[in-house]
Amino acid sequence: MFKLKNISGEEVIRRLEKLGFYKVRQRGSHVVLKKQTSEGEIVCVVPLHKELAIGTLRGILRQAKLTIEEFLSCE
């Protein structure tokens, strides 16, 4: 079982970009990322906070349709 820890919004964006997401736009402290898949487009929003709460990070992973293992494997 993998455990999530508090990381910054910028680190989350870096990892998502390694997994094929790209930045679409930013409004204030929120960045919108997209990824094209065979099922369609996946969109997720990442706040640029110094430290994201675990629940917020889980929500981002749910939006991105990623497992914790997939996310942690791209460190």
PDB file of N, CA and C in Angstrom:
ATOM      1  N   MET A   1       0.836  -1.181   0.000  1.00  0.00           N
ATOM      2  CA  MET A   1       0.000   0.000   0.000  1.00  0.00           C
ATOM      3  C   MET A   1       0.879   1.242   0.000  1.00  0.00           C
ATOM      4  N   PHE A   2       0.592   2.138  -0.899  1.00  0.00           N
ATOM      5  CA  PHE A   2       1.352   3.376  -1.010  1.00  0.00           C
ATOM      6  C   PHE A   2       0.652   4.466  -0.216  1.00  0.00           C
ATOM      7  N   LYS A   3       1.446   5.336   0.382  1.00  0.00           N
ATOM      8  CA  LYS A   3       0.896   6.429   1.159  1.00  0.00           C
ATOM      9  C   LYS A   3       1.195   7.751   0.483  1.00  0.00           C
ATOM     10  N   LEU A   4       0.189   8.594   0.450  1.00  0.00           N
ATOM     11  CA  LEU A   4       0.387   9.941  -0.080  1.00  0.00           C
ATOM     12  C   LEU A   4       0.936  10.837   1.015  1.00  0.00           C
ATOM     13  N   LYS A   5       1.761  11.779   0.630  1.00  0.00           N
ATOM     14  CA  LYS A   5       2.243  12.770   1.582  1.00  0.00           C
ATOM     15  C   LYS A   5       1.973  14.151   1.007  1.00  0.00           C
ATOM     16  N   ASN A   6       2.049  15.154   1.851  1.00  0.00           N
ATOM     17  CA  ASN A   6       1.797  16.522   1.406  1.00  0.00           C
ATOM     18  C   ASN A   6       2.898  16.975   0.460  1.00  0.00           C
ATOM     19  N   ILE A   7       2.500  17.411  -0.735  1.00  0.00           N
ATOM     20  CA  ILE A   7       3.449  17.963  -1.690  1.00  0.00           C
ATOM     21  C   ILE A   7       2.850  19.246  -2.258  1.00  0.00           C
ATOM     22  N   SER A   8       3.660  20.010  -2.943  1.00  0.00           N
ATOM     23  CA  SER A   8       3.206  21.294  -3.478  1.00  0.00           C
ATOM     24  C   SER A   8       2.419  21.092  -4.778  1.00  0.00           C
ATOM     25  N   GLY A   9       1.657  22.111  -5.130  1.00  0.00           N
ATOM     26  CA  GLY A   9       0.914  22.080  -6.380  1.00  0.00           C
ATOM     27  C   GLY A   9       1.838  22.011  -7.585  1.00  0.00           C
ATOM     28  N   GLU A  10       2.980  22.703  -7.499  1.00  0.00           N
ATOM     29  CA  GLU A  10       3.941  22.680  -8.604  1.00  0.00           C
ATOM     30  C   GLU A  10       4.501  21.275  -8.820  1.00  0.00           C
ATOM     31  N   GLU A  11       4.745  20.544  -7.723  1.00  0.00           N
ATOM     32  CA  GLU A  11       5.254  19.173  -7.837  1.00  0.00           C
ATOM     33  C   GLU A  11       4.195  18.267  -8.471  1.00  0.00           C
ATOM     34  N   VAL A  12       2.946  18.454  -8.120  1.00  0.00           N
ATOM     35  CA  VAL A  12       1.861  17.675  -8.715  1.00  0.00           C
ATOM     36  C   VAL A  12       1.808  17.928 -10.216  1.00  0.00           C
ATOM     37  N   ILE A  13       1.921  19.187 -10.618  1.00  0.00           N
ATOM     38  CA  ILE A  13       1.903  19.534 -12.042  1.00  0.00           C
ATOM     39  C   ILE A  13       3.077  18.886 -12.766  1.00  0.00           C
ATOM     40  N   ARG A  14       4.264  18.927 -12.172  1.00  0.00           N
ATOM     41  CA  ARG A  14       5.446  18.293 -12.791  1.00  0.00           C
ATOM     42  C   ARG A  14       5.207  16.807 -13.029  1.00  0.00           C
ATOM     43  N   ARG A  15       4.654  16.134 -12.019  1.00  0.00           N
ATOM     44  CA  ARG A  15       4.410  14.691 -12.158  1.00  0.00           C
ATOM     45  C   ARG A  15       3.330  14.399 -13.194  1.00  0.00           C
ATOM     46  N   LEU A  16       2.274  15.206 -13.214  1.00  0.00           N
ATOM     47  CA  LEU A  16       1.215  14.992 -14.201  1.00  0.00           C
ATOM     48  C   LEU A  16       1.733  15.228 -15.616  1.00  0.00           C
ATOM     49  N   GLU A  17       2.624  16.204 -15.780  1.00  0.00           N
ATOM     50  CA  GLU A  17       3.206  16.442 -17.110  1.00  0.00           C
ATOM     51  C   GLU A  17       4.050  15.256 -17.557  1.00  0.00           C
ATOM     52  N   LYS A  18       4.722  14.589 -16.630  1.00  0.00           N
ATOM     53  CA  LYS A  18       5.472  13.379 -16.988  1.00  0.00           C
ATOM     54  C   LYS A  18       4.542  12.265 -17.440  1.00  0.00           C
ATOM     55  N   LEU A  19       3.290  12.306 -16.964  1.00  0.00           N
ATOM     56  CA  LEU A  19       2.305  11.285 -17.316  1.00  0.00           C
ATOM     57  C   LEU A  19       1.471  11.652 -18.545  1.00  0.00           C
ATOM     58  N   GLY A  20       1.850  12.725 -19.238  1.00  0.00           N
ATOM     59  CA  GLY A  20       1.193  13.063 -20.490  1.00  0.00           C
ATOM     60  C   GLY A  20       0.224  14.229 -20.442  1.00  0.00           C
ATOM     61  N   PHE A  21       0.038  14.841 -19.290  1.00  0.00           N
ATOM     62  CA  PHE A  21      -0.846  16.005 -19.194  1.00  0.00           C
ATOM     63  C   PHE A  21      -0.088  17.238 -19.661  1.00  0.00           C
ATOM     64  N   TYR A  22      -0.841  18.246 -20.114  1.00  0.00           N
ATOM     65  CA  TYR A  22      -0.221  19.510 -20.511  1.00  0.00           C
ATOM     66  C   TYR A  22      -1.077  20.664 -19.992  1.00  0.00           C
ATOM     67  N   LYS A  23      -0.406  21.787 -19.724  1.00  0.00           N
ATOM     68  CA  LYS A  23      -1.104  22.962 -19.194  1.00  0.00           C
ATOM     69  C   LYS A  23      -1.941  23.597 -20.290  1.00  0.00           C
ATOM     70  N   VAL A  24      -3.180  23.935 -19.947  1.00  0.00           N
ATOM     71  CA  VAL A  24      -4.073  24.585 -20.894  1.00  0.00           C
ATOM     72  C   VAL A  24      -4.201  26.063 -20.548  1.00  0.00           C
ATOM     73  N   ARG A  25      -4.456  26.332 -19.269  1.00  0.00           N
ATOM     74  CA  ARG A  25      -4.606  27.716 -18.844  1.00  0.00           C
ATOM     75  C   ARG A  25      -4.427  27.817 -17.337  1.00  0.00           C
ATOM     76  N   GLN A  26      -4.312  29.058 -16.882  1.00  0.00           N
ATOM     77  CA  GLN A  26      -4.210  29.326 -15.456  1.00  0.00           C
ATOM     78  C   GLN A  26      -5.050  30.550 -15.135  1.00  0.00           C
ATOM     79  N   ARG A  27      -5.784  30.462 -14.049  1.00  0.00           N
ATOM     80  CA  ARG A  27      -6.547  31.620 -13.585  1.00  0.00           C
ATOM     81  C   ARG A  27      -6.284  31.750 -12.088  1.00  0.00           C
ATOM     82  N   GLY A  28      -5.574  32.799 -11.736  1.00  0.00           N
ATOM     83  CA  GLY A  28      -5.202  32.979 -10.339  1.00  0.00           C
ATOM     84  C   GLY A  28      -4.244  31.883  -9.917  1.00  0.00           C
ATOM     85  N   SER A  29      -4.612  31.162  -8.856  1.00  0.00           N
ATOM     86  CA  SER A  29      -3.719  30.117  -8.350  1.00  0.00           C
ATOM     87  C   SER A  29      -4.139  28.723  -8.787  1.00  0.00           C
ATOM     88  N   HIS A  30      -4.986  28.603  -9.807  1.00  0.00           N
ATOM     89  CA  HIS A  30      -5.429  27.294 -10.275  1.00  0.00           C
ATOM     90  C   HIS A  30      -4.992  27.068 -11.728  1.00  0.00           C
ATOM     91  N   VAL A  31      -4.382  25.912 -11.956  1.00  0.00           N
ATOM     92  CA  VAL A  31      -3.897  25.533 -13.281  1.00  0.00           C
ATOM     93  C   VAL A  31      -4.760  24.388 -13.801  1.00  0.00           C
ATOM     94  N   VAL A  32      -5.197  24.499 -15.050  1.00  0.00           N
ATOM     95  CA  VAL A  32      -5.999  23.461 -15.694  1.00  0.00           C
ATOM     96  C   VAL A  32      -5.085  22.667 -16.618  1.00  0.00           C
ATOM     97  N   LEU A  33      -5.100  21.335 -16.449  1.00  0.00           N
ATOM     98  CA  LEU A  33      -4.299  20.444 -17.281  1.00  0.00           C
ATOM     99  C   LEU A  33      -5.217  19.500 -18.035  1.00  0.00           C
ATOM    100  N   LYS A  34      -4.778  19.084 -19.225  1.00  0.00           N
ATOM    101  CA  LYS A  34      -5.555  18.157 -20.051  1.00  0.00           C
ATOM    102  C   LYS A  34      -4.668  17.035 -20.560  1.00  0.00           C
ATOM    103  N   LYS A  35      -5.339  15.945 -20.939  1.00  0.00           N
ATOM    104  CA  LYS A  35      -4.657  14.805 -21.552  1.00  0.00           C
ATOM    105  C   LYS A  35      -5.641  14.136 -22.498  1.00  0.00           C
ATOM    106  N   GLN A  36      -5.193  13.846 -23.709  1.00  0.00           N
ATOM    107  CA  GLN A  36      -6.024  13.142 -24.687  1.00  0.00           C
ATOM    108  C   GLN A  36      -5.838  11.642 -24.498  1.00  0.00           C
ATOM    109  N   THR A  37      -6.944  10.906 -24.426  1.00  0.00           N
ATOM    110  CA  THR A  37      -6.895   9.452 -24.344  1.00  0.00           C
ATOM    111  C   THR A  37      -7.826   8.880 -25.407  1.00  0.00           C
ATOM    112  N   SER A  38      -7.825   7.581 -25.540  1.00  0.00           N
ATOM    113  CA  SER A  38      -8.699   6.941 -26.524  1.00  0.00           C
ATOM    114  C   SER A  38     -10.172   7.090 -26.138  1.00  0.00           C
ATOM    115  N   GLU A  39     -10.450   7.229 -24.831  1.00  0.00           N
ATOM    116  CA  GLU A  39     -11.829   7.416 -24.374  1.00  0.00           C
ATOM    117  C   GLU A  39     -12.279   8.867 -24.465  1.00  0.00           C
ATOM    118  N   GLY A  40     -11.362   9.784 -24.671  1.00  0.00           N
ATOM    119  CA  GLY A  40     -11.695  11.201 -24.741  1.00  0.00           C
ATOM    120  C   GLY A  40     -10.665  12.040 -24.007  1.00  0.00           C
ATOM    121  N   GLU A  41     -11.111  13.192 -23.557  1.00  0.00           N
ATOM    122  CA  GLU A  41     -10.211  14.148 -22.922  1.00  0.00           C
ATOM    123  C   GLU A  41     -10.366  14.092 -21.399  1.00  0.00           C
ATOM    124  N   ILE A  42      -9.242  14.108 -20.691  1.00  0.00           N
ATOM    125  CA  ILE A  42      -9.256  14.155 -19.230  1.00  0.00           C
ATOM    126  C   ILE A  42      -8.801  15.543 -18.813  1.00  0.00           C
ATOM    127  N   VAL A  43      -9.574  16.179 -17.949  1.00  0.00           N
ATOM    128  CA  VAL A  43      -9.267  17.525 -17.474  1.00  0.00           C
ATOM    129  C   VAL A  43      -9.142  17.480 -15.968  1.00  0.00           C
ATOM    130  N   CYS A  44      -8.112  18.117 -15.427  1.00  0.00           N
ATOM    131  CA  CYS A  44      -8.002  18.226 -13.978  1.00  0.00           C
ATOM    132  C   CYS A  44      -7.463  19.603 -13.609  1.00  0.00           C
ATOM    133  N   VAL A  45      -7.836  20.053 -12.413  1.00  0.00           N
ATOM    134  CA  VAL A  45      -7.471  21.370 -11.917  1.00  0.00           C
ATOM    135  C   VAL A  45      -6.565  21.203 -10.711  1.00  0.00           C
ATOM    136  N   VAL A  46      -5.427  21.915 -10.711  1.00  0.00           N
ATOM    137  CA  VAL A  46      -4.466  21.827  -9.613  1.00  0.00           C
ATOM    138  C   VAL A  46      -4.260  23.224  -9.027  1.00  0.00           C
ATOM    139  N   PRO A  47      -4.506  23.385  -7.721  1.00  0.00           N
ATOM    140  CA  PRO A  47      -4.218  24.677  -7.085  1.00  0.00           C
ATOM    141  C   PRO A  47      -2.722  24.810  -6.814  1.00  0.00           C
ATOM    142  N   LEU A  48      -2.183  25.994  -7.002  1.00  0.00           N
ATOM    143  CA  LEU A  48      -0.752  26.222  -6.790  1.00  0.00           C
ATOM    144  C   LEU A  48      -0.476  26.614  -5.343  1.00  0.00           C
ATOM    145  N   HIS A  49      -0.745  25.707  -4.429  1.00  0.00           N
ATOM    146  CA  HIS A  49      -0.470  25.959  -3.023  1.00  0.00           C
ATOM    147  C   HIS A  49       0.883  25.367  -2.657  1.00  0.00           C
ATOM    148  N   LYS A  50       1.485  25.896  -1.592  1.00  0.00           N
ATOM    149  CA  LYS A  50       2.788  25.372  -1.160  1.00  0.00           C
ATOM    150  C   LYS A  50       2.669  23.931  -0.688  1.00  0.00           C
ATOM    151  N   GLU A  51       1.540  23.608  -0.095  1.00  0.00           N
ATOM    152  CA  GLU A  51       1.319  22.253   0.396  1.00  0.00           C
ATOM    153  C   GLU A  51      -0.148  21.898   0.184  1.00  0.00           C
ATOM    154  N   LEU A  52      -0.398  20.817  -0.556  1.00  0.00           N
ATOM    155  CA  LEU A  52      -1.771  20.379  -0.804  1.00  0.00           C
ATOM    156  C   LEU A  52      -2.184  19.389   0.275  1.00  0.00           C
ATOM    157  N   ALA A  53      -3.417  19.504   0.729  1.00  0.00           N
ATOM    158  CA  ALA A  53      -3.958  18.540   1.677  1.00  0.00           C
ATOM    159  C   ALA A  53      -4.103  17.184   0.986  1.00  0.00           C
ATOM    160  N   ILE A  54      -4.063  16.122   1.769  1.00  0.00           N
ATOM    161  CA  ILE A  54      -4.156  14.769   1.210  1.00  0.00           C
ATOM    162  C   ILE A  54      -5.481  14.592   0.466  1.00  0.00           C
ATOM    163  N   GLY A  55      -6.574  15.108   1.017  1.00  0.00           N
ATOM    164  CA  GLY A  55      -7.879  14.996   0.360  1.00  0.00           C
ATOM    165  C   GLY A  55      -7.914  15.717  -0.976  1.00  0.00           C
ATOM    166  N   THR A  56      -7.264  16.860  -1.050  1.00  0.00           N
ATOM    167  CA  THR A  56      -7.189  17.610  -2.306  1.00  0.00           C
ATOM    168  C   THR A  56      -6.395  16.820  -3.339  1.00  0.00           C
ATOM    169  N   LEU A  57      -5.293  16.236  -2.913  1.00  0.00           N
ATOM    170  CA  LEU A  57      -4.463  15.433  -3.820  1.00  0.00           C
ATOM    171  C   LEU A  57      -5.233  14.219  -4.318  1.00  0.00           C
ATOM    172  N   ARG A  58      -5.990  13.571  -3.441  1.00  0.00           N
ATOM    173  CA  ARG A  58      -6.816  12.433  -3.867  1.00  0.00           C
ATOM    174  C   ARG A  58      -7.854  12.867  -4.901  1.00  0.00           C
ATOM    175  N   GLY A  59      -8.441  14.039  -4.708  1.00  0.00           N
ATOM    176  CA  GLY A  59      -9.416  14.555  -5.665  1.00  0.00           C
ATOM    177  C   GLY A  59      -8.789  14.822  -7.022  1.00  0.00           C
ATOM    178  N   ILE A  60      -7.565  15.355  -7.021  1.00  0.00           N
ATOM    179  CA  ILE A  60      -6.857  15.606  -8.277  1.00  0.00           C
ATOM    180  C   ILE A  60      -6.581  14.292  -8.996  1.00  0.00           C
ATOM    181  N   LEU A  61      -6.152  13.280  -8.247  1.00  0.00           N
ATOM    182  CA  LEU A  61      -5.875  11.967  -8.856  1.00  0.00           C
ATOM    183  C   LEU A  61      -7.157  11.340  -9.398  1.00  0.00           C
ATOM    184  N   ARG A  62      -8.272  11.550  -8.716  1.00  0.00           N
ATOM    185  CA  ARG A  62      -9.563  11.041  -9.193  1.00  0.00           C
ATOM    186  C   ARG A  62      -9.943  11.729 -10.500  1.00  0.00           C
ATOM    187  N   GLN A  63      -9.753  13.052 -10.572  1.00  0.00           N
ATOM    188  CA  GLN A  63     -10.042  13.789 -11.808  1.00  0.00           C
ATOM    189  C   GLN A  63      -9.154  13.299 -12.946  1.00  0.00           C
ATOM    190  N   ALA A  64      -7.879  13.026 -12.626  1.00  0.00           N
ATOM    191  CA  ALA A  64      -6.914  12.615 -13.642  1.00  0.00           C
ATOM    192  C   ALA A  64      -7.033  11.138 -13.997  1.00  0.00           C
ATOM    193  N   LYS A  65      -7.917  10.421 -13.293  1.00  0.00           N
ATOM    194  CA  LYS A  65      -8.115   8.975 -13.508  1.00  0.00           C
ATOM    195  C   LYS A  65      -6.804   8.203 -13.334  1.00  0.00           C
ATOM    196  N   LEU A  66      -6.089   8.521 -12.243  1.00  0.00           N
ATOM    197  CA  LEU A  66      -4.828   7.868 -11.924  1.00  0.00           C
ATOM    198  C   LEU A  66      -4.935   7.165 -10.583  1.00  0.00           C
ATOM    199  N   THR A  67      -4.186   6.084 -10.437  1.00  0.00           N
ATOM    200  CA  THR A  67      -4.075   5.441  -9.132  1.00  0.00           C
ATOM    201  C   THR A  67      -2.924   6.094  -8.367  1.00  0.00           C
ATOM    202  N   ILE A  68      -2.897   5.861  -7.084  1.00  0.00           N
ATOM    203  CA  ILE A  68      -1.812   6.397  -6.262  1.00  0.00           C
ATOM    204  C   ILE A  68      -0.479   5.825  -6.730  1.00  0.00           C
ATOM    205  N   GLU A  69      -0.473   4.541  -7.079  1.00  0.00           N
ATOM    206  CA  GLU A  69       0.760   3.891  -7.538  1.00  0.00           C
ATOM    207  C   GLU A  69       1.288   4.522  -8.811  1.00  0.00           C
ATOM    208  N   GLU A  70       0.398   4.803  -9.769  1.00  0.00           N
ATOM    209  CA  GLU A  70       0.819   5.431 -11.019  1.00  0.00           C
ATOM    210  C   GLU A  70       1.407   6.814 -10.759  1.00  0.00           C
ATOM    211  N   PHE A  71       0.754   7.573  -9.873  1.00  0.00           N
ATOM    212  CA  PHE A  71       1.217   8.923  -9.565  1.00  0.00           C
ATOM    213  C   PHE A  71       2.577   8.895  -8.879  1.00  0.00           C
ATOM    214  N   LEU A  72       2.745   7.993  -7.899  1.00  0.00           N
ATOM    215  CA  LEU A  72       4.007   7.945  -7.163  1.00  0.00           C
ATOM    216  C   LEU A  72       5.144   7.338  -7.973  1.00  0.00           C
ATOM    217  N   SER A  73       4.833   6.587  -9.022  1.00  0.00           N
ATOM    218  CA  SER A  73       5.887   5.954  -9.806  1.00  0.00           C
ATOM    219  C   SER A  73       6.668   6.955 -10.675  1.00  0.00           C
ATOM    220  N   CYS A  74       6.137   8.149 -10.863  1.00  0.00           N
ATOM    221  CA  CYS A  74       6.817   9.115 -11.729  1.00  0.00           C
ATOM    222  C   CYS A  74       7.547  10.204 -10.936  1.00  0.00           C
ATOM    223  N   GLU A  75       8.108   9.839  -9.802  1.00  0.00           N
ATOM    224  CA  GLU A  75       8.840  10.814  -8.970  1.00  0.00           C
ATOM    225  C   GLU A  75      10.086  11.302  -9.626  1.00  0.00           C
TER     226      GLU A  75
END
